[in-house]
Amino acid sequence: MTFTPRSAWHETPEPVRKAVAEALGAAIDRHADLHGGMSPGPAASLWLADGRHVFVKAVSAEVRAHNHTMILQEAAILDALPRSVPAPRRLATVECGPWAALATTWAAGATAPSWTDASIEAVADACRTTSRHRAPGSLPPVAQRIFDFDGWTRLAEIGANDDWEAAYAGPAADVVAGWENWTAGDALVHRDLRLDNTTFDADHSPAVLLDWAYAAAGAAWIDLAQLAADVVATGHVLGVQAATDRAYQLLRTLPPDAPRFVVGPAGMWCIRAATVSDTFNPRIASWRRARSTALRPLVARLIADFREGHRKGA
């Protein structure tokens, strides 16, 4: 997922690159630029003179202040995570003028363009390992990391874009209502679970969760529910129906509030596509719209399940 090309590591100001090497305690022998994500700053694989292989990302606040803040926020979160959490380890944080850089251990494996059954299983295991930990006290409640979950309500107010939204925005809003309460908990949750925030090597290592800037304390099932949503929104190698089926099967193993959670991101992406213009990432609106649209069959099924559950409980 790339909206704006990342700058190259060699284009990073020399004082920043020098400060990173000094913080790591070894010269940088060579590097390879990495691509993807939503930040304009460089991301690179570094090979150090002492034999280590590490990851670094950096950004200038003058280019995008949000990503600068996220780098520093993630650095603090990584320090707070228990060692048994499947996450990279922070090696160094550098602040140099308007620049911030974060260096971490290298996460083995790769990120494929689509989900597979093997990667779903591996990432689900990583989510379960994570949620078995109590969230560190420095992390906020997950409600502070969830945005625009009132999207379906707002969409109904401003007017739907098509007949599907007109038919489902109201029922979807009912499903998501009260999310601040039923997402609460004390489990450690990653909260930004997407395929491109994971790495997985089917032959040699378990999955690792990347990009921890939004970690929080919440219900233990949140990352698994978000995994289900992303399987559909990002896609499965076997196609659309397989993605929806795999997501639904996963949700059926989770508590009843987990399917409700999946309806929330669909509304979030929908309202953001309709109301938020991002001149920095001009293609992000179409990306959001595509993800919300991809989730429609699953959302309709989950709404029907929610209504049936209420009917039986009445």
Protein backbone atom coordinates (compact mmCIF):
# COMPACT_ATOMS: atom_id res chain seq x y z
CA MET A 1 0.00 0.00 0.00
CA THR A 2 1.71 3.17 -1.20
CA PHE A 3 0.08 6.56 -1.68
CA THR A 4 3.06 8.88 -1.72
CA PRO A 5 6.54 7.63 -2.58
CA ARG A 6 8.84 7.47 0.41
CA SER A 7 12.01 9.50 0.23
CA ALA A 8 15.22 7.49 -0.01
CA TRP A 9 17.53 6.88 2.95
CA HIS A 10 20.43 8.59 1.17
CA GLU A 11 18.26 11.72 0.83
CA THR A 12 17.92 11.95 4.63
CA PRO A 13 20.14 14.77 5.93
CA GLU A 14 23.64 13.56 6.67
CA PRO A 15 23.51 14.70 10.33
CA VAL A 16 20.43 12.49 10.84
CA ARG A 17 22.09 9.45 9.25
CA LYS A 18 25.22 10.07 11.32
CA ALA A 19 23.16 10.39 14.52
CA VAL A 20 21.40 7.08 13.78
CA ALA A 21 24.74 5.30 13.31
CA GLU A 22 26.08 6.81 16.53
CA ALA A 23 22.96 5.80 18.44
CA LEU A 24 23.29 2.25 17.10
CA GLY A 25 26.97 2.17 17.99
CA ALA A 26 28.14 0.99 14.57
CA ALA A 27 28.74 2.39 11.12
CA ILE A 28 26.18 1.71 8.40
CA ASP A 29 27.84 -0.44 5.74
CA ARG A 30 24.93 -0.52 3.31
CA HIS A 31 21.19 -0.09 3.11
CA ALA A 32 18.14 -0.99 1.04
CA ASP A 33 15.17 1.36 0.77
CA LEU A 34 11.76 -0.08 1.67
CA HIS A 35 8.47 1.01 0.17
CA GLY A 36 4.81 1.07 1.15
CA GLY A 37 2.87 2.58 4.03
CA MET A 38 1.45 6.04 4.55
CA SER A 39 4.51 8.01 5.59
CA PRO A 40 6.57 10.17 3.20
CA GLY A 41 9.72 9.59 5.24
CA PRO A 42 12.35 6.99 4.44
CA ALA A 43 12.19 3.41 5.67
CA ALA A 44 15.26 1.27 5.18
CA SER A 45 16.95 -2.00 5.93
CA LEU A 46 20.41 -1.27 7.33
CA TRP A 47 23.41 -3.58 7.53
CA LEU A 48 25.86 -2.43 10.22
CA ALA A 49 29.60 -2.82 10.42
CA ASP A 50 29.23 -5.06 13.48
CA GLY A 51 27.12 -7.55 11.51
CA ARG A 52 23.68 -6.52 12.70
CA HIS A 53 20.73 -6.15 10.34
CA VAL A 54 18.22 -3.53 11.54
CA PHE A 55 15.23 -1.50 10.42
CA VAL A 56 14.98 2.29 10.52
CA LYS A 57 12.30 4.79 9.63
CA ALA A 58 12.45 8.56 9.85
CA VAL A 59 10.47 11.66 8.98
CA SER A 60 10.73 15.40 9.28
CA ALA A 61 8.03 17.30 11.17
CA GLU A 62 8.34 19.94 8.47
CA VAL A 63 7.15 17.38 5.92
CA ARG A 64 4.41 15.75 8.00
CA ALA A 65 4.06 16.46 11.70
CA HIS A 66 1.63 13.57 12.31
CA ASN A 67 4.13 10.91 11.25
CA HIS A 68 6.86 12.61 13.30
CA THR A 69 4.64 12.31 16.37
CA MET A 70 3.82 8.69 15.59
CA ILE A 71 7.49 7.71 15.42
CA LEU A 72 8.15 9.09 18.89
CA GLN A 73 4.91 7.59 20.21
CA GLU A 74 5.80 4.17 18.86
CA ALA A 75 9.29 4.36 20.37
CA ALA A 76 7.82 4.86 23.84
CA ILE A 77 5.31 2.04 23.32
CA LEU A 78 7.95 -0.44 22.17
CA ASP A 79 9.90 0.21 25.38
CA ALA A 80 6.80 -0.62 27.42
CA LEU A 81 5.96 -3.91 25.70
CA PRO A 82 6.80 -7.19 27.44
CA ARG A 83 9.56 -9.13 25.70
CA SER A 84 7.17 -11.99 24.95
CA VAL A 85 5.00 -9.80 22.69
CA PRO A 86 5.61 -10.54 18.95
CA ALA A 87 7.00 -7.11 18.15
CA PRO A 88 10.33 -5.63 17.04
CA ARG A 89 12.56 -4.23 19.80
CA ARG A 90 13.57 -0.60 19.87
CA LEU A 91 17.29 -0.12 19.39
CA ALA A 92 17.57 3.64 19.12
CA THR A 93 15.54 6.82 18.85
CA VAL A 94 17.03 9.93 17.33
CA GLU A 95 15.75 13.50 17.31
CA CYS A 96 17.83 15.77 15.10
CA GLY A 97 16.38 19.17 14.28
CA PRO A 98 12.90 18.61 12.83
CA TRP A 99 13.70 14.95 12.20
CA ALA A 100 12.81 11.89 14.26
CA ALA A 101 14.13 8.40 13.54
CA LEU A 102 13.39 5.02 15.08
CA ALA A 103 15.65 1.99 14.69
CA THR A 104 14.42 -1.47 15.66
CA THR A 105 15.45 -5.08 15.38
CA TRP A 106 14.81 -6.59 11.98
CA ALA A 107 11.58 -8.63 11.75
CA ALA A 108 12.18 -11.76 9.72
CA GLY A 109 9.76 -12.71 7.00
CA ALA A 110 7.85 -10.77 4.38
CA THR A 111 4.54 -9.06 3.76
CA ALA A 112 2.60 -10.47 0.82
CA PRO A 113 0.07 -8.38 -1.16
CA SER A 114 -2.84 -10.64 -0.15
CA TRP A 115 -3.79 -12.80 2.80
CA THR A 116 -3.40 -16.59 2.69
CA ASP A 117 -4.80 -19.19 5.04
CA ALA A 118 -1.31 -19.64 6.49
CA SER A 119 -0.75 -15.94 7.12
CA ILE A 120 -4.21 -15.55 8.68
CA GLU A 121 -3.44 -18.39 11.10
CA ALA A 122 0.02 -17.05 11.94
CA VAL A 123 -1.14 -13.48 12.51
CA ALA A 124 -4.14 -14.69 14.53
CA ASP A 125 -1.70 -16.58 16.79
CA ALA A 126 0.36 -13.38 17.17
CA CYS A 127 -2.80 -11.46 18.10
CA ARG A 128 -3.73 -14.05 20.71
CA THR A 129 -0.21 -13.97 22.17
CA THR A 130 -0.42 -10.19 22.38
CA SER A 131 -3.84 -10.09 24.01
CA ARG A 132 -2.81 -12.56 26.73
CA HIS A 133 -0.73 -9.71 28.15
CA ARG A 134 -2.21 -7.03 30.34
CA ALA A 135 -1.67 -3.65 28.72
CA PRO A 136 1.14 -1.59 30.28
CA GLY A 137 -0.17 1.20 32.45
CA SER A 138 1.27 3.83 30.12
CA LEU A 139 -1.12 2.88 27.33
CA PRO A 140 -4.49 4.66 27.01
CA PRO A 141 -7.92 3.00 26.78
CA VAL A 142 -8.65 1.75 23.29
CA ALA A 143 -11.49 4.27 22.93
CA GLN A 144 -8.77 6.91 22.55
CA ARG A 145 -7.30 4.96 19.61
CA ILE A 146 -10.57 4.34 17.73
CA PHE A 147 -11.63 7.03 15.31
CA ASP A 148 -14.83 7.81 13.39
CA PHE A 149 -16.79 4.80 14.60
CA ASP A 150 -19.82 7.07 14.33
CA GLY A 151 -19.28 7.04 10.57
CA TRP A 152 -22.54 5.30 9.71
CA THR A 153 -24.54 7.77 11.80
CA ARG A 154 -22.83 10.73 10.17
CA LEU A 155 -23.27 9.23 6.72
CA ALA A 156 -27.01 8.92 7.30
CA GLU A 157 -27.05 12.59 8.29
CA ILE A 158 -25.15 13.93 5.26
CA GLY A 159 -26.74 11.59 2.75
CA ALA A 160 -25.72 8.22 1.34
CA ASN A 161 -23.69 7.87 -1.84
CA ASP A 162 -25.71 5.00 -3.25
CA ASP A 163 -28.65 2.69 -2.58
CA TRP A 164 -26.58 0.22 -0.53
CA GLU A 165 -25.47 2.92 1.90
CA ALA A 166 -29.01 4.29 2.08
CA ALA A 167 -30.32 0.85 3.03
CA TYR A 168 -27.59 -0.16 5.47
CA ALA A 169 -26.23 3.01 7.12
CA GLY A 170 -28.98 3.11 9.75
CA PRO A 171 -28.83 -0.58 10.71
CA ALA A 172 -25.02 -0.43 10.72
CA ALA A 173 -25.12 2.52 13.10
CA ASP A 174 -27.35 0.49 15.43
CA VAL A 175 -24.85 -2.37 15.43
CA VAL A 176 -21.92 -0.12 16.33
CA ALA A 177 -23.79 1.95 18.96
CA GLY A 178 -22.12 2.08 22.36
CA TRP A 179 -18.74 0.93 21.03
CA GLU A 180 -16.93 2.95 23.72
CA ASN A 181 -18.30 0.52 26.32
CA TRP A 182 -18.07 -2.87 24.65
CA THR A 183 -14.53 -2.38 23.32
CA ALA A 184 -13.17 -1.60 26.80
CA GLY A 185 -10.79 -3.95 28.59
CA ASP A 186 -7.31 -4.30 30.03
CA ALA A 187 -5.73 -6.55 27.40
CA LEU A 188 -2.84 -5.34 25.26
CA VAL A 189 -4.10 -4.64 21.75
CA HIS A 190 -2.11 -3.53 18.71
CA ARG A 191 -5.12 -1.67 17.29
CA ASP A 192 -3.71 -1.06 13.80
CA LEU A 193 -3.85 -4.60 12.48
CA ARG A 194 -3.45 -4.67 8.68
CA LEU A 195 -1.58 -7.05 6.42
CA ASP A 196 1.08 -4.42 5.74
CA ASN A 197 1.66 -4.09 9.48
CA THR A 198 2.71 -7.73 9.78
CA THR A 199 5.54 -9.92 8.58
CA PHE A 200 5.45 -13.67 8.25
CA ASP A 201 7.83 -16.40 7.11
CA ALA A 202 5.97 -19.67 6.61
CA ASP A 203 9.15 -21.73 6.78
CA HIS A 204 11.17 -20.23 9.61
CA SER A 205 9.42 -17.91 12.03
CA PRO A 206 6.09 -16.88 13.57
CA ALA A 207 4.34 -13.68 12.55
CA VAL A 208 5.53 -10.36 13.94
CA LEU A 209 3.24 -7.35 14.39
CA LEU A 210 4.74 -4.05 13.20
CA ASP A 211 3.96 -0.34 13.69
CA TRP A 212 2.83 -0.16 17.31
CA ALA A 213 2.00 3.55 17.53
CA TYR A 214 -1.70 2.92 18.28
CA ALA A 215 -1.35 0.20 20.92
CA ALA A 216 -3.85 0.46 23.76
CA ALA A 217 -5.73 -1.33 26.52
CA GLY A 218 -8.94 -2.93 25.31
CA ALA A 219 -11.03 -6.04 24.82
CA ALA A 220 -8.87 -9.07 24.10
CA TRP A 221 -10.64 -9.87 20.81
CA ILE A 222 -10.10 -6.48 19.13
CA ASP A 223 -7.05 -7.38 17.04
CA LEU A 224 -8.68 -10.60 15.86
CA ALA A 225 -11.80 -8.69 14.82
CA GLN A 226 -9.66 -6.17 13.00
CA LEU A 227 -7.81 -9.05 11.35
CA ALA A 228 -11.13 -10.35 10.04
CA ALA A 229 -11.98 -6.93 8.64
CA ASP A 230 -8.60 -6.62 6.94
CA VAL A 231 -8.78 -10.06 5.35
CA VAL A 232 -11.82 -8.79 3.44
CA ALA A 233 -10.63 -5.22 2.89
CA THR A 234 -7.15 -6.19 1.70
CA GLY A 235 -8.15 -9.45 0.03
CA HIS A 236 -7.37 -13.17 0.07
CA VAL A 237 -5.22 -14.88 -2.54
CA LEU A 238 -8.15 -17.22 -3.33
CA GLY A 239 -10.52 -14.35 -4.09
CA VAL A 240 -13.38 -12.30 -2.72
CA GLN A 241 -15.61 -15.12 -1.52
CA ALA A 242 -12.74 -16.84 0.26
CA ALA A 243 -11.87 -13.59 2.03
CA THR A 244 -15.44 -13.11 3.27
CA ASP A 245 -15.76 -16.76 4.31
CA ARG A 246 -12.46 -16.79 6.21
CA ALA A 247 -13.35 -13.56 8.01
CA TYR A 248 -16.79 -14.83 8.99
CA GLN A 249 -15.37 -18.13 10.23
CA LEU A 250 -12.86 -16.27 12.40
CA LEU A 251 -15.52 -13.98 13.83
CA ARG A 252 -17.69 -16.97 14.80
CA THR A 253 -14.91 -18.08 17.18
CA LEU A 254 -14.97 -14.73 19.01
CA PRO A 255 -17.30 -13.11 21.56
CA PRO A 256 -20.54 -11.56 20.23
CA ASP A 257 -19.19 -8.01 20.26
CA ALA A 258 -16.36 -8.83 17.85
CA PRO A 259 -18.60 -8.92 14.75
CA ARG A 260 -20.04 -5.55 15.79
CA PHE A 261 -16.52 -4.14 15.76
CA VAL A 262 -16.03 -5.10 12.09
CA VAL A 263 -18.98 -2.93 11.09
CA GLY A 264 -17.21 0.08 12.63
CA PRO A 265 -14.17 0.32 10.32
CA ALA A 266 -16.43 0.01 7.28
CA GLY A 267 -18.29 3.12 8.44
CA MET A 268 -15.03 4.85 9.37
CA TRP A 269 -13.56 4.36 5.89
CA CYS A 270 -16.85 5.37 4.29
CA ILE A 271 -17.25 8.67 6.15
CA ARG A 272 -13.58 9.56 5.75
CA ALA A 273 -13.74 8.94 2.03
CA ALA A 274 -16.78 11.20 1.85
CA THR A 275 -15.65 14.05 4.10
CA VAL A 276 -11.86 14.08 4.59
CA SER A 277 -9.66 15.49 1.86
CA ASP A 278 -6.00 14.63 2.21
CA THR A 279 -3.90 16.67 -0.18
CA PHE A 280 -0.80 14.91 1.14
CA ASN A 281 -2.09 11.45 0.13
CA PRO A 282 -4.45 12.27 -2.77
CA ARG A 283 -5.33 8.62 -3.45
CA ILE A 284 -6.29 7.74 0.10
CA ALA A 285 -9.98 8.58 -0.40
CA SER A 286 -10.32 5.96 -3.14
CA TRP A 287 -8.42 3.46 -0.97
CA ARG A 288 -10.84 4.07 1.90
CA ARG A 289 -13.85 3.79 -0.39
CA ALA A 290 -12.56 0.51 -1.84
CA ARG A 291 -12.06 -1.01 1.60
CA SER A 292 -15.53 -0.01 2.79
CA THR A 293 -17.09 -1.35 -0.41
CA ALA A 294 -15.21 -4.65 -0.13
CA LEU A 295 -16.68 -5.14 3.36
CA ARG A 296 -20.30 -4.69 2.26
CA PRO A 297 -21.22 -8.39 1.90
CA LEU A 298 -19.72 -9.20 5.31
CA VAL A 299 -21.31 -6.14 6.94
CA ALA A 300 -24.73 -7.08 5.56
CA ARG A 301 -24.32 -10.61 6.93
CA LEU A 302 -23.23 -9.32 10.34
CA ILE A 303 -26.17 -6.91 10.51
CA ALA A 304 -28.54 -9.79 9.76
CA ASP A 305 -26.88 -11.86 12.50
CA PHE A 306 -27.16 -8.96 14.94
CA ARG A 307 -30.86 -8.53 14.21
CA GLU A 308 -31.50 -12.26 14.53
CA GLY A 309 -29.73 -12.31 17.86
CA HIS A 310 -31.87 -9.47 19.13
CA ARG A 311 -35.02 -11.14 17.82
CA LYS A 312 -34.23 -14.34 19.67
CA GLY A 313 -33.35 -12.41 22.80
CA ALA A 314 -36.58 -10.44 22.77
